[in-house]
Amino acid sequence: LNRLHETNPELRIPTDKIEDMVHAEARACYETLSISRAIARNGDGGSNRLLVRALQECRDQKLEIIFRLLGLAYPQKDIYSAYTALKGTRADRRSAALEFLDNVLRSNLNSIILPLLEESSPDALADRAKSLFKIHQPQRDDALRALLDQPDNWLAACALREIGERRIRELADKCRALSAAS
């Protein structure tokens, strides 16, 4: 879509649809954060670190998708520059990118996207997830069950490893069903 938009700038972009998609990706990002907190809070060890890292990578991918979508509704090069500045390590560029986004994005997008980008405390982000999307932090077993139910095979495999390493018997039937399905 970004390439199509770049090569054909005269195409009409349905910004309301783009904003809906940004909201959906932001919600998924907050859900991933919530699951990650539940997993990280209740464990240590190789499988736990792997799962937390996989969830962080998933969250990073969702943020990239958000920026690609924003590049369809806003000046693409400016959004890309802001994204690369936010991914970088220079504090002055990160600050400038956040200020740019704060000034350019509509307020309904600002309130959901900027907290994900500003390095807020995990507790503050959890509160934001609860207030914006009614997302409550699940218990560890519920978080693992949610990972087994979603379509990302890598996250499901990491969750299976965590369940096996911790010997979580409450999820044994779910694991067997997943194993039989594949």
N, C-alpha and C. Protein backbone atom coordinates (compact mmCIF):
# COMPACT_ATOMS: atom_id res chain seq x y z
N LEU A 1 0.82 -1.20 0.00
CA LEU A 1 0.00 0.00 0.00
C LEU A 1 0.86 1.26 0.00
N ASN A 2 1.93 1.22 0.80
CA ASN A 2 2.79 2.40 0.84
C ASN A 2 3.43 2.68 -0.52
N ARG A 3 3.88 1.62 -1.18
CA ARG A 3 4.50 1.79 -2.49
C ARG A 3 3.47 2.30 -3.50
N LEU A 4 2.27 1.77 -3.44
CA LEU A 4 1.19 2.20 -4.33
C LEU A 4 0.88 3.68 -4.09
N HIS A 5 0.82 4.05 -2.83
CA HIS A 5 0.54 5.44 -2.47
C HIS A 5 1.67 6.36 -2.94
N GLU A 6 2.89 5.90 -2.81
CA GLU A 6 4.04 6.71 -3.20
C GLU A 6 4.09 6.92 -4.71
N THR A 7 3.78 5.87 -5.47
CA THR A 7 3.85 5.99 -6.93
C THR A 7 2.61 6.63 -7.54
N ASN A 8 1.50 6.64 -6.80
CA ASN A 8 0.25 7.23 -7.29
C ASN A 8 -0.35 8.16 -6.22
N PRO A 9 0.30 9.30 -5.99
CA PRO A 9 -0.17 10.19 -4.92
C PRO A 9 -1.58 10.75 -5.13
N GLU A 10 -2.08 10.65 -6.36
CA GLU A 10 -3.42 11.17 -6.64
C GLU A 10 -4.53 10.23 -6.15
N LEU A 11 -4.18 9.01 -5.78
CA LEU A 11 -5.19 8.07 -5.28
C LEU A 11 -5.81 8.59 -3.99
N ARG A 12 -7.11 8.44 -3.92
CA ARG A 12 -7.83 8.87 -2.73
C ARG A 12 -7.65 7.83 -1.63
N ILE A 13 -7.19 8.28 -0.49
CA ILE A 13 -6.97 7.39 0.65
C ILE A 13 -8.13 7.57 1.63
N PRO A 14 -8.84 6.51 1.95
CA PRO A 14 -9.95 6.62 2.91
C PRO A 14 -9.40 6.73 4.35
N THR A 15 -9.15 7.96 4.77
CA THR A 15 -8.48 8.16 6.06
C THR A 15 -9.28 7.60 7.23
N ASP A 16 -10.60 7.59 7.13
CA ASP A 16 -11.38 7.02 8.24
C ASP A 16 -11.10 5.53 8.38
N LYS A 17 -10.94 4.83 7.27
CA LYS A 17 -10.60 3.39 7.31
C LYS A 17 -9.19 3.19 7.85
N ILE A 18 -8.28 4.06 7.43
CA ILE A 18 -6.89 3.98 7.92
C ILE A 18 -6.88 4.19 9.43
N GLU A 19 -7.62 5.17 9.90
CA GLU A 19 -7.67 5.42 11.34
C GLU A 19 -8.26 4.24 12.10
N ASP A 20 -9.27 3.60 11.53
CA ASP A 20 -9.83 2.39 12.16
C ASP A 20 -8.77 1.31 12.27
N MET A 21 -7.98 1.16 11.21
CA MET A 21 -6.92 0.15 11.23
C MET A 21 -5.83 0.51 12.24
N VAL A 22 -5.51 1.79 12.34
CA VAL A 22 -4.52 2.23 13.33
C VAL A 22 -5.03 1.93 14.74
N HIS A 23 -6.31 2.20 14.97
CA HIS A 23 -6.90 1.89 16.28
C HIS A 23 -6.82 0.40 16.57
N ALA A 24 -7.11 -0.43 15.58
CA ALA A 24 -7.06 -1.89 15.78
C ALA A 24 -5.64 -2.35 16.09
N GLU A 25 -4.66 -1.82 15.37
CA GLU A 25 -3.26 -2.20 15.63
C GLU A 25 -2.80 -1.68 16.99
N ALA A 26 -3.22 -0.48 17.35
CA ALA A 26 -2.85 0.05 18.66
C ALA A 26 -3.46 -0.80 19.77
N ARG A 27 -4.70 -1.19 19.60
CA ARG A 27 -5.34 -2.06 20.59
C ARG A 27 -4.56 -3.37 20.72
N ALA A 28 -4.18 -3.96 19.58
CA ALA A 28 -3.40 -5.19 19.61
C ALA A 28 -2.05 -4.97 20.30
N CYS A 29 -1.48 -3.81 20.11
CA CYS A 29 -0.21 -3.48 20.74
C CYS A 29 -0.38 -3.41 22.27
N TYR A 30 -1.45 -2.78 22.72
CA TYR A 30 -1.73 -2.71 24.16
C TYR A 30 -2.05 -4.10 24.72
N GLU A 31 -2.76 -4.92 23.96
CA GLU A 31 -3.05 -6.28 24.42
C GLU A 31 -1.76 -7.08 24.56
N THR A 32 -0.86 -6.93 23.60
CA THR A 32 0.43 -7.62 23.66
C THR A 32 1.23 -7.16 24.87
N LEU A 33 1.21 -5.87 25.13
CA LEU A 33 1.88 -5.33 26.31
C LEU A 33 1.31 -5.94 27.58
N SER A 34 0.01 -6.03 27.65
CA SER A 34 -0.66 -6.58 28.82
C SER A 34 -0.29 -8.05 29.04
N ILE A 35 -0.29 -8.82 27.98
CA ILE A 35 0.09 -10.23 28.07
C ILE A 35 1.55 -10.35 28.48
N SER A 36 2.39 -9.53 27.91
CA SER A 36 3.82 -9.55 28.23
C SER A 36 4.06 -9.26 29.70
N ARG A 37 3.35 -8.31 30.24
CA ARG A 37 3.50 -7.99 31.66
C ARG A 37 3.08 -9.16 32.53
N ALA A 38 2.01 -9.83 32.15
CA ALA A 38 1.54 -10.99 32.93
C ALA A 38 2.58 -12.11 32.89
N ILE A 39 3.19 -12.32 31.75
CA ILE A 39 4.19 -13.38 31.59
C ILE A 39 5.46 -13.02 32.36
N ALA A 40 5.93 -11.79 32.19
CA ALA A 40 7.18 -11.37 32.82
C ALA A 40 7.06 -11.32 34.34
N ARG A 41 5.90 -10.95 34.82
CA ARG A 41 5.68 -10.80 36.26
C ARG A 41 5.75 -12.14 36.98
N ASN A 42 5.43 -13.21 36.30
CA ASN A 42 5.30 -14.51 36.94
C ASN A 42 6.37 -15.50 36.55
N GLY A 43 7.56 -15.04 36.28
CA GLY A 43 8.53 -16.07 35.95
C GLY A 43 9.90 -15.55 35.64
N ASP A 44 10.77 -16.51 35.55
CA ASP A 44 12.14 -16.27 35.17
C ASP A 44 12.63 -17.55 34.50
N GLY A 45 13.63 -17.45 33.74
CA GLY A 45 14.15 -18.64 33.08
C GLY A 45 14.19 -18.44 31.58
N GLY A 46 14.76 -19.43 30.90
CA GLY A 46 14.97 -19.33 29.46
C GLY A 46 13.70 -19.19 28.67
N SER A 47 12.70 -20.02 28.97
CA SER A 47 11.46 -19.95 28.20
C SER A 47 10.72 -18.65 28.46
N ASN A 48 10.80 -18.16 29.69
CA ASN A 48 10.13 -16.91 30.02
C ASN A 48 10.78 -15.74 29.28
N ARG A 49 12.11 -15.70 29.29
CA ARG A 49 12.81 -14.63 28.58
C ARG A 49 12.53 -14.68 27.09
N LEU A 50 12.50 -15.88 26.53
CA LEU A 50 12.21 -16.04 25.11
C LEU A 50 10.81 -15.53 24.78
N LEU A 51 9.84 -15.89 25.58
CA LEU A 51 8.47 -15.47 25.34
C LEU A 51 8.32 -13.95 25.49
N VAL A 52 8.93 -13.38 26.50
CA VAL A 52 8.86 -11.92 26.69
C VAL A 52 9.52 -11.21 25.51
N ARG A 53 10.65 -11.74 25.04
CA ARG A 53 11.32 -11.14 23.88
C ARG A 53 10.47 -11.27 22.63
N ALA A 54 9.84 -12.43 22.43
CA ALA A 54 8.97 -12.63 21.27
C ALA A 54 7.79 -11.67 21.31
N LEU A 55 7.25 -11.44 22.50
CA LEU A 55 6.14 -10.49 22.64
C LEU A 55 6.60 -9.06 22.35
N GLN A 56 7.82 -8.72 22.77
CA GLN A 56 8.36 -7.39 22.47
C GLN A 56 8.54 -7.21 20.97
N GLU A 57 9.03 -8.24 20.30
CA GLU A 57 9.18 -8.17 18.85
C GLU A 57 7.82 -8.04 18.16
N CYS A 58 6.83 -8.73 18.67
CA CYS A 58 5.47 -8.63 18.14
C CYS A 58 4.96 -7.19 18.29
N ARG A 59 5.19 -6.62 19.45
CA ARG A 59 4.78 -5.24 19.71
C ARG A 59 5.51 -4.28 18.76
N ASP A 60 6.80 -4.50 18.55
CA ASP A 60 7.56 -3.67 17.61
C ASP A 60 7.00 -3.77 16.19
N GLN A 61 6.60 -4.97 15.79
CA GLN A 61 6.01 -5.16 14.46
C GLN A 61 4.68 -4.41 14.35
N LYS A 62 3.90 -4.44 15.40
CA LYS A 62 2.62 -3.73 15.39
C LYS A 62 2.85 -2.22 15.29
N LEU A 63 3.88 -1.72 15.97
CA LEU A 63 4.20 -0.28 15.86
C LEU A 63 4.64 0.07 14.44
N GLU A 64 5.40 -0.82 13.82
CA GLU A 64 5.81 -0.57 12.44
C GLU A 64 4.58 -0.52 11.53
N ILE A 65 3.64 -1.42 11.73
CA ILE A 65 2.41 -1.42 10.93
C ILE A 65 1.65 -0.11 11.16
N ILE A 66 1.60 0.34 12.40
CA ILE A 66 0.92 1.61 12.70
C ILE A 66 1.56 2.74 11.89
N PHE A 67 2.89 2.78 11.87
CA PHE A 67 3.56 3.85 11.13
C PHE A 67 3.37 3.70 9.62
N ARG A 68 3.32 2.48 9.13
CA ARG A 68 3.05 2.30 7.69
C ARG A 68 1.64 2.80 7.35
N LEU A 69 0.70 2.52 8.24
CA LEU A 69 -0.66 3.02 8.02
C LEU A 69 -0.70 4.54 8.09
N LEU A 70 0.00 5.10 9.07
CA LEU A 70 0.04 6.57 9.18
C LEU A 70 0.65 7.19 7.93
N GLY A 71 1.59 6.48 7.30
CA GLY A 71 2.21 6.97 6.08
C GLY A 71 1.25 7.05 4.91
N LEU A 72 0.11 6.38 5.03
CA LEU A 72 -0.92 6.48 4.00
C LEU A 72 -1.81 7.70 4.21
N ALA A 73 -1.97 8.12 5.45
CA ALA A 73 -2.88 9.22 5.76
C ALA A 73 -2.18 10.56 5.96
N TYR A 74 -0.89 10.52 6.21
CA TYR A 74 -0.09 11.72 6.45
C TYR A 74 1.10 11.70 5.50
N PRO A 75 1.85 12.81 5.42
CA PRO A 75 3.02 12.82 4.51
C PRO A 75 3.96 11.65 4.82
N GLN A 76 4.09 10.78 3.85
CA GLN A 76 4.79 9.51 4.04
C GLN A 76 6.24 9.67 4.48
N LYS A 77 6.97 10.56 3.86
CA LYS A 77 8.39 10.73 4.20
C LYS A 77 8.55 11.29 5.60
N ASP A 78 7.66 12.17 6.00
CA ASP A 78 7.73 12.74 7.35
C ASP A 78 7.44 11.67 8.41
N ILE A 79 6.46 10.85 8.14
CA ILE A 79 6.12 9.77 9.08
C ILE A 79 7.28 8.77 9.17
N TYR A 80 7.87 8.44 8.03
CA TYR A 80 9.00 7.52 8.03
C TYR A 80 10.18 8.11 8.80
N SER A 81 10.44 9.39 8.61
CA SER A 81 11.54 10.05 9.34
C SER A 81 11.28 10.01 10.85
N ALA A 82 10.04 10.24 11.23
CA ALA A 82 9.69 10.19 12.66
C ALA A 82 9.90 8.77 13.19
N TYR A 83 9.50 7.77 12.42
CA TYR A 83 9.65 6.38 12.84
C TYR A 83 11.12 6.03 13.04
N THR A 84 11.97 6.39 12.08
CA THR A 84 13.39 6.06 12.20
C THR A 84 14.03 6.81 13.37
N ALA A 85 13.59 8.04 13.61
CA ALA A 85 14.11 8.78 14.76
C ALA A 85 13.70 8.12 16.07
N LEU A 86 12.48 7.62 16.13
CA LEU A 86 12.00 6.96 17.35
C LEU A 86 12.70 5.63 17.57
N LYS A 87 13.11 4.97 16.51
CA LYS A 87 13.83 3.70 16.62
C LYS A 87 15.30 3.92 16.96
N GLY A 88 15.79 5.12 16.72
CA GLY A 88 17.19 5.43 16.97
C GLY A 88 17.48 5.67 18.45
N THR A 89 18.72 6.00 18.74
CA THR A 89 19.15 6.17 20.12
C THR A 89 19.36 7.63 20.52
N ARG A 90 19.28 8.53 19.56
CA ARG A 90 19.53 9.93 19.89
C ARG A 90 18.29 10.56 20.51
N ALA A 91 18.46 11.01 21.74
CA ALA A 91 17.35 11.57 22.51
C ALA A 91 16.77 12.81 21.85
N ASP A 92 17.61 13.66 21.25
CA ASP A 92 17.12 14.89 20.63
C ASP A 92 16.22 14.57 19.43
N ARG A 93 16.60 13.56 18.66
CA ARG A 93 15.77 13.17 17.51
C ARG A 93 14.46 12.52 17.95
N ARG A 94 14.55 11.69 19.00
CA ARG A 94 13.32 11.07 19.53
C ARG A 94 12.36 12.16 20.00
N SER A 95 12.89 13.13 20.71
CA SER A 95 12.07 14.24 21.21
C SER A 95 11.41 15.01 20.07
N ALA A 96 12.20 15.30 19.05
CA ALA A 96 11.67 16.04 17.90
C ALA A 96 10.60 15.21 17.19
N ALA A 97 10.80 13.90 17.07
CA ALA A 97 9.82 13.04 16.41
C ALA A 97 8.52 13.00 17.21
N LEU A 98 8.62 12.90 18.52
CA LEU A 98 7.41 12.89 19.36
C LEU A 98 6.67 14.21 19.25
N GLU A 99 7.42 15.31 19.24
CA GLU A 99 6.78 16.62 19.11
C GLU A 99 6.11 16.76 17.74
N PHE A 100 6.79 16.29 16.69
CA PHE A 100 6.21 16.31 15.35
C PHE A 100 4.89 15.54 15.33
N LEU A 101 4.91 14.33 15.84
CA LEU A 101 3.69 13.51 15.85
C LEU A 101 2.59 14.16 16.67
N ASP A 102 2.96 14.74 17.79
CA ASP A 102 1.98 15.41 18.64
C ASP A 102 1.30 16.55 17.89
N ASN A 103 2.05 17.23 17.04
CA ASN A 103 1.50 18.36 16.28
C ASN A 103 0.74 17.93 15.03
N VAL A 104 1.10 16.79 14.44
CA VAL A 104 0.53 16.40 13.16
C VAL A 104 -0.68 15.47 13.30
N LEU A 105 -0.59 14.51 14.21
CA LEU A 105 -1.67 13.53 14.32
C LEU A 105 -2.93 14.13 14.91
N ARG A 106 -4.05 13.62 14.48
CA ARG A 106 -5.32 14.03 15.06
C ARG A 106 -5.35 13.60 16.53
N SER A 107 -6.09 14.32 17.33
CA SER A 107 -6.07 14.06 18.78
C SER A 107 -6.53 12.65 19.14
N ASN A 108 -7.47 12.10 18.36
CA ASN A 108 -7.92 10.74 18.67
C ASN A 108 -6.81 9.71 18.44
N LEU A 109 -5.86 10.01 17.57
CA LEU A 109 -4.71 9.12 17.37
C LEU A 109 -3.60 9.41 18.37
N ASN A 110 -3.43 10.69 18.68
CA ASN A 110 -2.41 11.08 19.66
C ASN A 110 -2.58 10.34 20.97
N SER A 111 -3.80 10.27 21.44
CA SER A 111 -4.05 9.71 22.76
C SER A 111 -3.75 8.22 22.85
N ILE A 112 -3.77 7.52 21.72
CA ILE A 112 -3.47 6.09 21.77
C ILE A 112 -2.05 5.76 21.32
N ILE A 113 -1.49 6.55 20.42
CA ILE A 113 -0.18 6.23 19.87
C ILE A 113 0.97 6.79 20.70
N LEU A 114 0.90 8.05 21.08
CA LEU A 114 2.02 8.67 21.78
C LEU A 114 2.42 7.95 23.07
N PRO A 115 1.48 7.48 23.88
CA PRO A 115 1.91 6.75 25.08
C PRO A 115 2.72 5.49 24.76
N LEU A 116 2.45 4.85 23.63
CA LEU A 116 3.22 3.67 23.24
C LEU A 116 4.65 4.03 22.87
N LEU A 117 4.85 5.26 22.43
CA LEU A 117 6.16 5.69 21.95
C LEU A 117 7.00 6.35 23.03
N GLU A 118 6.33 7.06 23.90
CA GLU A 118 7.05 7.67 25.01
C GLU A 118 7.37 6.55 25.97
N GLU A 119 8.54 6.59 26.51
CA GLU A 119 8.93 5.48 27.38
C GLU A 119 8.29 5.64 28.75
N SER A 120 7.00 5.44 28.78
CA SER A 120 6.25 5.50 30.03
C SER A 120 6.53 4.24 30.83
N SER A 121 6.18 4.29 32.07
CA SER A 121 6.33 3.09 32.89
C SER A 121 5.32 2.04 32.43
N PRO A 122 5.64 0.77 32.61
CA PRO A 122 4.69 -0.28 32.24
C PRO A 122 3.35 -0.13 32.97
N ASP A 123 3.39 0.35 34.21
CA ASP A 123 2.15 0.56 34.95
C ASP A 123 1.29 1.63 34.30
N ALA A 124 1.93 2.71 33.84
CA ALA A 124 1.19 3.79 33.18
C ALA A 124 0.58 3.29 31.87
N LEU A 125 1.32 2.47 31.13
CA LEU A 125 0.78 1.92 29.88
C LEU A 125 -0.37 0.96 30.16
N ALA A 126 -0.25 0.19 31.23
CA ALA A 126 -1.35 -0.73 31.61
C ALA A 126 -2.60 0.06 31.97
N ASP A 127 -2.41 1.17 32.68
CA ASP A 127 -3.55 2.04 33.01
C ASP A 127 -4.16 2.63 31.74
N ARG A 128 -3.30 3.00 30.80
CA ARG A 128 -3.78 3.57 29.54
C ARG A 128 -4.58 2.51 28.76
N ALA A 129 -4.08 1.27 28.74
CA ALA A 129 -4.78 0.18 28.05
C ALA A 129 -6.16 -0.05 28.67
N LYS A 130 -6.21 0.05 29.98
CA LYS A 130 -7.49 -0.14 30.67
C LYS A 130 -8.45 0.99 30.35
N SER A 131 -7.97 2.23 30.37
CA SER A 131 -8.87 3.36 30.14
C SER A 131 -9.29 3.50 28.67
N LEU A 132 -8.38 3.21 27.74
CA LEU A 132 -8.70 3.36 26.32
C LEU A 132 -9.50 2.21 25.75
N PHE A 133 -9.09 0.98 26.10
CA PHE A 133 -9.64 -0.20 25.43
C PHE A 133 -10.27 -1.21 26.39
N LYS A 134 -10.34 -0.86 27.66
CA LYS A 134 -10.90 -1.79 28.67
C LYS A 134 -10.11 -3.10 28.72
N ILE A 135 -8.80 -3.00 28.53
CA ILE A 135 -7.93 -4.17 28.58
C ILE A 135 -7.40 -4.31 29.99
N HIS A 136 -7.69 -5.42 30.60
CA HIS A 136 -7.19 -5.71 31.94
C HIS A 136 -6.03 -6.69 31.83
N GLN A 137 -5.06 -6.53 32.72
CA GLN A 137 -3.94 -7.46 32.68
C GLN A 137 -4.41 -8.83 33.13
N PRO A 138 -4.20 -9.84 32.29
CA PRO A 138 -4.66 -11.18 32.63
C PRO A 138 -3.73 -11.87 33.63
N GLN A 139 -4.22 -12.93 34.22
CA GLN A 139 -3.36 -13.80 35.01
C GLN A 139 -2.46 -14.56 34.05
N ARG A 140 -1.37 -15.11 34.56
CA ARG A 140 -0.40 -15.80 33.70
C ARG A 140 -1.04 -16.89 32.85
N ASP A 141 -1.84 -17.75 33.46
CA ASP A 141 -2.44 -18.86 32.70
C ASP A 141 -3.38 -18.34 31.62
N ASP A 142 -4.12 -17.29 31.91
CA ASP A 142 -5.01 -16.70 30.91
C ASP A 142 -4.21 -16.07 29.77
N ALA A 143 -3.08 -15.45 30.11
CA ALA A 143 -2.22 -14.85 29.09
C ALA A 143 -1.65 -15.94 28.18
N LEU A 144 -1.21 -17.04 28.76
CA LEU A 144 -0.69 -18.14 27.96
C LEU A 144 -1.78 -18.76 27.09
N ARG A 145 -2.97 -18.89 27.64
CA ARG A 145 -4.11 -19.43 26.88
C ARG A 145 -4.41 -18.52 25.68
N ALA A 146 -4.37 -17.22 25.91
CA ALA A 146 -4.62 -16.26 24.82
C ALA A 146 -3.58 -16.40 23.72
N LEU A 147 -2.34 -16.66 24.10
CA LEU A 147 -1.29 -16.84 23.09
C LEU A 147 -1.50 -18.13 22.29
N LEU A 148 -2.02 -19.15 22.95
CA LEU A 148 -2.29 -20.40 22.23
C LEU A 148 -3.47 -20.25 21.27
N ASP A 149 -4.38 -19.32 21.57
CA ASP A 149 -5.58 -19.14 20.75
C ASP A 149 -5.38 -18.22 19.55
N GLN A 150 -4.31 -17.46 19.52
CA GLN A 150 -4.14 -16.51 18.43
C GLN A 150 -3.34 -17.13 17.29
N PRO A 151 -3.34 -16.51 16.10
CA PRO A 151 -2.79 -17.16 14.90
C PRO A 151 -1.26 -17.12 14.74
N ASP A 152 -0.54 -16.44 15.60
CA ASP A 152 0.91 -16.34 15.46
C ASP A 152 1.57 -17.63 15.96
N ASN A 153 2.05 -18.45 15.04
CA ASN A 153 2.62 -19.75 15.40
C ASN A 153 3.87 -19.63 16.27
N TRP A 154 4.68 -18.60 16.04
CA TRP A 154 5.89 -18.42 16.84
C TRP A 154 5.53 -18.11 18.29
N LEU A 155 4.59 -17.21 18.51
CA LEU A 155 4.18 -16.91 19.88
C LEU A 155 3.55 -18.13 20.54
N ALA A 156 2.77 -18.89 19.78
CA ALA A 156 2.16 -20.10 20.33
C ALA A 156 3.24 -21.11 20.72
N ALA A 157 4.26 -21.25 19.88
CA ALA A 157 5.36 -22.18 20.18
C ALA A 157 6.12 -21.73 21.43
N CYS A 158 6.35 -20.43 21.56
CA CYS A 158 7.02 -19.90 22.75
C CYS A 158 6.16 -20.13 23.99
N ALA A 159 4.85 -19.95 23.85
CA ALA A 159 3.94 -20.19 24.97
C ALA A 159 3.94 -21.67 25.35
N LEU A 160 3.95 -22.56 24.36
CA LEU A 160 4.01 -24.00 24.64
C LEU A 160 5.28 -24.35 25.41
N ARG A 161 6.38 -23.74 25.02
CA ARG A 161 7.64 -24.01 25.72
C ARG A 161 7.54 -23.54 27.17
N GLU A 162 6.98 -22.37 27.38
CA GLU A 162 6.81 -21.84 28.75
C GLU A 162 5.90 -22.75 29.57
N ILE A 163 4.81 -23.20 28.98
CA ILE A 163 3.87 -24.08 29.67
C ILE A 163 4.56 -25.40 30.04
N GLY A 164 5.34 -25.94 29.11
CA GLY A 164 6.05 -27.18 29.38
C GLY A 164 7.11 -27.03 30.44
N GLU A 165 7.88 -25.95 30.35
CA GLU A 165 8.95 -25.73 31.32
C GLU A 165 8.40 -25.52 32.73
N ARG A 166 7.27 -24.83 32.82
CA ARG A 166 6.66 -24.55 34.13
C ARG A 166 5.73 -25.68 34.58
N ARG A 167 5.49 -26.63 33.67
CA ARG A 167 4.59 -27.75 33.97
C ARG A 167 3.23 -27.26 34.46
N ILE A 168 2.63 -26.41 33.65
CA ILE A 168 1.32 -25.83 33.98
C ILE A 168 0.26 -26.83 33.55
N ARG A 169 -0.19 -27.61 34.47
CA ARG A 169 -1.13 -28.70 34.18
C ARG A 169 -2.51 -28.19 33.76
N GLU A 170 -2.88 -26.99 34.19
CA GLU A 170 -4.19 -26.45 33.85
C GLU A 170 -4.35 -26.24 32.34
N LEU A 171 -3.23 -26.14 31.64
CA LEU A 171 -3.28 -25.90 30.20
C LEU A 171 -2.93 -27.14 29.37
N ALA A 172 -2.79 -28.28 30.03
CA ALA A 172 -2.39 -29.51 29.34
C ALA A 172 -3.38 -29.89 28.24
N ASP A 173 -4.68 -29.82 28.53
CA ASP A 173 -5.68 -30.18 27.51
C ASP A 173 -5.60 -29.24 26.30
N LYS A 174 -5.42 -27.98 26.57
CA LYS A 174 -5.31 -26.99 25.48
C LYS A 174 -4.07 -27.28 24.63
N CYS A 175 -2.98 -27.66 25.28
CA CYS A 175 -1.75 -27.97 24.56
C CYS A 175 -1.92 -29.24 23.73
N ARG A 176 -2.57 -30.23 24.27
CA ARG A 176 -2.81 -31.46 23.51
C ARG A 176 -3.69 -31.18 22.29
N ALA A 177 -4.71 -30.38 22.48
CA ALA A 177 -5.61 -30.05 21.36
C ALA A 177 -4.86 -29.29 20.28
N LEU A 178 -3.99 -28.38 20.69
CA LEU A 178 -3.20 -27.62 19.72
C LEU A 178 -2.23 -28.54 18.98
N SER A 179 -1.63 -29.45 19.72
CA SER A 179 -0.69 -30.41 19.13
C SER A 179 -1.41 -31.33 18.13
N ALA A 180 -2.60 -31.77 18.48
CA ALA A 180 -3.35 -32.64 17.59
C ALA A 180 -3.82 -31.93 16.33
N ALA A 181 -4.05 -30.63 16.44
CA ALA A 181 -4.54 -29.85 15.29
C ALA A 181 -3.45 -29.60 14.26
N SER A 182 -2.18 -29.69 14.67
CA SER A 182 -1.12 -29.38 13.71
C SER A 182 -0.51 -30.56 13.06
